[in-house]
Amino acid sequence: MADEATGQTDGPIEELRGLEEQPADDFFGRVQRSVERRQLASDTLDLSWTVVQVMVLEALEVIFHAFGRKRNKEGEGR
């Protein structure tokens, strides 16, 4: 195929096409396992940070409820 703007042909591309190699039989399986390992590590890290955030929020809630304003019987503050 010729490039109409420059008049060049695909000569080097045609030469590279002859160097094509087929991947090993287990190549796609290895790639998939590698991606899954990285996804598992990412999900684990995300979950661990979520647990820490929830624990901090729960601890703050307990502290604020323990030292919060006391209400009288009518529901008004002191």
N, C-alpha and C. Protein backbone atom coordinates (compact mmCIF):
# COMPACT_ATOMS: atom_id res chain seq x y z
N MET A 1 0.85 -1.16 0.00
CA MET A 1 0.00 0.00 0.00
C MET A 1 0.90 1.22 0.00
N ALA A 2 0.66 2.16 -0.83
CA ALA A 2 1.49 3.36 -0.94
C ALA A 2 0.84 4.51 -0.20
N ASP A 3 1.68 5.31 0.42
CA ASP A 3 1.21 6.51 1.09
C ASP A 3 1.05 7.60 0.03
N GLU A 4 -0.17 8.04 -0.19
CA GLU A 4 -0.44 8.99 -1.27
C GLU A 4 0.20 10.35 -1.02
N ALA A 5 0.33 10.77 0.24
CA ALA A 5 0.88 12.09 0.54
C ALA A 5 2.38 12.15 0.27
N THR A 6 3.12 11.09 0.61
CA THR A 6 4.58 11.12 0.45
C THR A 6 5.06 10.23 -0.69
N GLY A 7 4.24 9.35 -1.19
CA GLY A 7 4.62 8.46 -2.27
C GLY A 7 5.47 7.29 -1.82
N GLN A 8 5.58 7.06 -0.48
CA GLN A 8 6.38 5.94 0.03
C GLN A 8 5.54 4.68 0.10
N THR A 9 6.21 3.55 -0.03
CA THR A 9 5.52 2.26 0.09
C THR A 9 5.78 1.66 1.45
N ASP A 10 5.10 0.58 1.73
CA ASP A 10 5.23 -0.10 3.02
C ASP A 10 6.36 -1.12 3.00
N GLY A 11 7.43 -0.87 2.33
CA GLY A 11 8.54 -1.80 2.22
C GLY A 11 9.04 -2.32 3.56
N PRO A 12 9.43 -1.47 4.49
CA PRO A 12 9.93 -1.97 5.78
C PRO A 12 8.87 -2.75 6.55
N ILE A 13 7.63 -2.35 6.44
CA ILE A 13 6.56 -3.06 7.13
C ILE A 13 6.43 -4.47 6.57
N GLU A 14 6.50 -4.62 5.28
CA GLU A 14 6.41 -5.93 4.65
C GLU A 14 7.56 -6.83 5.12
N GLU A 15 8.75 -6.28 5.28
CA GLU A 15 9.88 -7.06 5.77
C GLU A 15 9.65 -7.54 7.19
N LEU A 16 9.08 -6.68 8.03
CA LEU A 16 8.81 -7.07 9.42
C LEU A 16 7.72 -8.12 9.53
N ARG A 17 6.79 -8.11 8.60
CA ARG A 17 5.70 -9.08 8.62
C ARG A 17 6.25 -10.51 8.53
N GLY A 18 7.36 -10.67 7.85
CA GLY A 18 7.97 -12.00 7.74
C GLY A 18 8.65 -12.46 9.01
N LEU A 19 8.89 -11.58 9.97
CA LEU A 19 9.54 -11.92 11.23
C LEU A 19 8.56 -12.30 12.32
N GLU A 20 7.30 -12.35 11.99
CA GLU A 20 6.26 -12.65 12.98
C GLU A 20 6.47 -14.02 13.60
N GLU A 21 6.30 -14.07 14.95
CA GLU A 21 6.42 -15.34 15.68
C GLU A 21 5.13 -15.59 16.44
N GLN A 22 4.77 -16.83 16.55
CA GLN A 22 3.59 -17.21 17.32
C GLN A 22 3.98 -17.28 18.80
N PRO A 23 3.11 -16.80 19.69
CA PRO A 23 3.42 -16.88 21.12
C PRO A 23 3.35 -18.33 21.59
N ALA A 24 3.98 -18.58 22.72
CA ALA A 24 3.94 -19.92 23.31
C ALA A 24 2.50 -20.30 23.65
N ASP A 25 2.26 -21.60 23.78
CA ASP A 25 0.89 -22.08 24.04
C ASP A 25 0.32 -21.52 25.34
N ASP A 26 1.15 -21.38 26.37
CA ASP A 26 0.64 -20.93 27.66
C ASP A 26 0.81 -19.42 27.87
N PHE A 27 1.17 -18.69 26.83
CA PHE A 27 1.42 -17.24 26.97
C PHE A 27 0.20 -16.50 27.49
N PHE A 28 -0.95 -16.71 26.90
CA PHE A 28 -2.15 -15.98 27.30
C PHE A 28 -2.59 -16.37 28.71
N GLY A 29 -2.40 -17.63 29.07
CA GLY A 29 -2.71 -18.06 30.44
C GLY A 29 -1.81 -17.38 31.46
N ARG A 30 -0.51 -17.26 31.13
CA ARG A 30 0.42 -16.59 32.05
C ARG A 30 0.09 -15.11 32.19
N VAL A 31 -0.28 -14.47 31.09
CA VAL A 31 -0.67 -13.06 31.15
C VAL A 31 -1.92 -12.89 32.00
N GLN A 32 -2.89 -13.76 31.81
CA GLN A 32 -4.14 -13.67 32.57
C GLN A 32 -3.87 -13.88 34.06
N ARG A 33 -3.04 -14.86 34.42
CA ARG A 33 -2.71 -15.09 35.83
C ARG A 33 -1.98 -13.90 36.44
N SER A 34 -1.10 -13.28 35.65
CA SER A 34 -0.38 -12.11 36.14
C SER A 34 -1.34 -10.95 36.42
N VAL A 35 -2.28 -10.74 35.51
CA VAL A 35 -3.27 -9.68 35.71
C VAL A 35 -4.14 -9.99 36.93
N GLU A 36 -4.55 -11.23 37.09
CA GLU A 36 -5.38 -11.60 38.23
C GLU A 36 -4.63 -11.42 39.56
N ARG A 37 -3.33 -11.74 39.57
CA ARG A 37 -2.54 -11.53 40.80
C ARG A 37 -2.50 -10.06 41.16
N ARG A 38 -2.27 -9.22 40.17
CA ARG A 38 -2.23 -7.78 40.44
C ARG A 38 -3.60 -7.26 40.89
N GLN A 39 -4.66 -7.76 40.30
CA GLN A 39 -6.00 -7.34 40.70
C GLN A 39 -6.30 -7.79 42.12
N LEU A 40 -5.89 -8.99 42.49
CA LEU A 40 -6.10 -9.49 43.85
C LEU A 40 -5.34 -8.62 44.85
N ALA A 41 -4.10 -8.27 44.53
CA ALA A 41 -3.32 -7.40 45.42
C ALA A 41 -3.99 -6.04 45.57
N SER A 42 -4.48 -5.49 44.47
CA SER A 42 -5.16 -4.20 44.50
C SER A 42 -6.43 -4.26 45.34
N ASP A 43 -7.24 -5.30 45.15
CA ASP A 43 -8.48 -5.44 45.91
C ASP A 43 -8.20 -5.62 47.39
N THR A 44 -7.16 -6.39 47.73
CA THR A 44 -6.80 -6.61 49.13
C THR A 44 -6.38 -5.31 49.79
N LEU A 45 -5.56 -4.53 49.11
CA LEU A 45 -5.12 -3.25 49.65
C LEU A 45 -6.30 -2.30 49.82
N ASP A 46 -7.19 -2.27 48.85
CA ASP A 46 -8.37 -1.41 48.93
C ASP A 46 -9.24 -1.80 50.12
N LEU A 47 -9.45 -3.09 50.31
CA LEU A 47 -10.26 -3.56 51.44
C LEU A 47 -9.62 -3.21 52.76
N SER A 48 -8.30 -3.38 52.86
CA SER A 48 -7.63 -3.09 54.12
C SER A 48 -7.74 -1.61 54.47
N TRP A 49 -7.63 -0.71 53.48
CA TRP A 49 -7.79 0.71 53.76
C TRP A 49 -9.23 1.04 54.12
N THR A 50 -10.18 0.38 53.51
CA THR A 50 -11.58 0.62 53.84
C THR A 50 -11.87 0.21 55.28
N VAL A 51 -11.31 -0.91 55.71
CA VAL A 51 -11.50 -1.38 57.09
C VAL A 51 -10.92 -0.37 58.07
N VAL A 52 -9.73 0.14 57.79
CA VAL A 52 -9.10 1.13 58.67
C VAL A 52 -9.97 2.38 58.76
N GLN A 53 -10.49 2.85 57.64
CA GLN A 53 -11.33 4.05 57.64
C GLN A 53 -12.60 3.83 58.46
N VAL A 54 -13.22 2.68 58.30
CA VAL A 54 -14.45 2.39 59.05
C VAL A 54 -14.15 2.32 60.54
N MET A 55 -13.04 1.70 60.91
CA MET A 55 -12.68 1.61 62.33
C MET A 55 -12.43 2.98 62.93
N VAL A 56 -11.75 3.87 62.22
CA VAL A 56 -11.49 5.22 62.72
C VAL A 56 -12.81 5.98 62.88
N LEU A 57 -13.69 5.88 61.89
CA LEU A 57 -14.98 6.57 61.99
C LEU A 57 -15.81 6.04 63.15
N GLU A 58 -15.81 4.73 63.37
CA GLU A 58 -16.55 4.15 64.49
C GLU A 58 -15.96 4.61 65.82
N ALA A 59 -14.64 4.66 65.93
CA ALA A 59 -13.99 5.12 67.16
C ALA A 59 -14.35 6.58 67.43
N LEU A 60 -14.32 7.42 66.40
CA LEU A 60 -14.70 8.82 66.58
C LEU A 60 -16.15 8.96 67.00
N GLU A 61 -17.01 8.13 66.43
CA GLU A 61 -18.43 8.17 66.81
C GLU A 61 -18.62 7.83 68.27
N VAL A 62 -17.91 6.81 68.75
CA VAL A 62 -18.00 6.42 70.15
C VAL A 62 -17.50 7.55 71.04
N ILE A 63 -16.39 8.18 70.68
CA ILE A 63 -15.84 9.28 71.48
C ILE A 63 -16.80 10.45 71.52
N PHE A 64 -17.36 10.83 70.37
CA PHE A 64 -18.29 11.96 70.36
C PHE A 64 -19.57 11.66 71.13
N HIS A 65 -20.03 10.43 71.08
CA HIS A 65 -21.23 10.08 71.86
C HIS A 65 -20.91 10.05 73.35
N ALA A 66 -19.72 9.63 73.72
CA ALA A 66 -19.36 9.55 75.13
C ALA A 66 -19.18 10.94 75.73
N PHE A 67 -18.62 11.88 74.98
CA PHE A 67 -18.34 13.21 75.50
C PHE A 67 -19.25 14.28 74.91
N GLY A 68 -20.31 13.85 74.25
CA GLY A 68 -21.23 14.81 73.63
C GLY A 68 -22.09 15.51 74.65
N ARG A 69 -22.92 16.44 74.17
CA ARG A 69 -23.81 17.18 75.07
C ARG A 69 -24.85 16.26 75.66
N LYS A 70 -25.14 16.50 76.91
CA LYS A 70 -26.23 15.76 77.57
C LYS A 70 -27.52 16.49 77.28
N ARG A 71 -28.60 15.77 77.12
CA ARG A 71 -29.89 16.37 76.81
C ARG A 71 -30.82 16.13 78.02
N ASN A 72 -31.66 17.12 78.29
CA ASN A 72 -32.63 16.92 79.35
C ASN A 72 -33.85 16.17 78.81
N LYS A 73 -34.86 16.00 79.60
CA LYS A 73 -36.01 15.19 79.20
C LYS A 73 -36.75 15.76 78.01
N GLU A 74 -36.76 17.09 77.82
CA GLU A 74 -37.49 17.66 76.70
C GLU A 74 -36.69 17.63 75.42
N GLY A 75 -35.46 17.14 75.43
CA GLY A 75 -34.66 17.04 74.24
C GLY A 75 -33.87 18.30 73.93
N GLU A 76 -33.82 19.25 74.89
CA GLU A 76 -33.07 20.48 74.68
C GLU A 76 -31.71 20.35 75.35
N GLY A 77 -30.75 21.07 74.83
CA GLY A 77 -29.42 21.07 75.45
C GLY A 77 -29.40 21.88 76.71
N ARG A 78 -28.37 21.76 77.55
CA ARG A 78 -28.29 22.47 78.82
C ARG A 78 -28.07 23.93 78.61
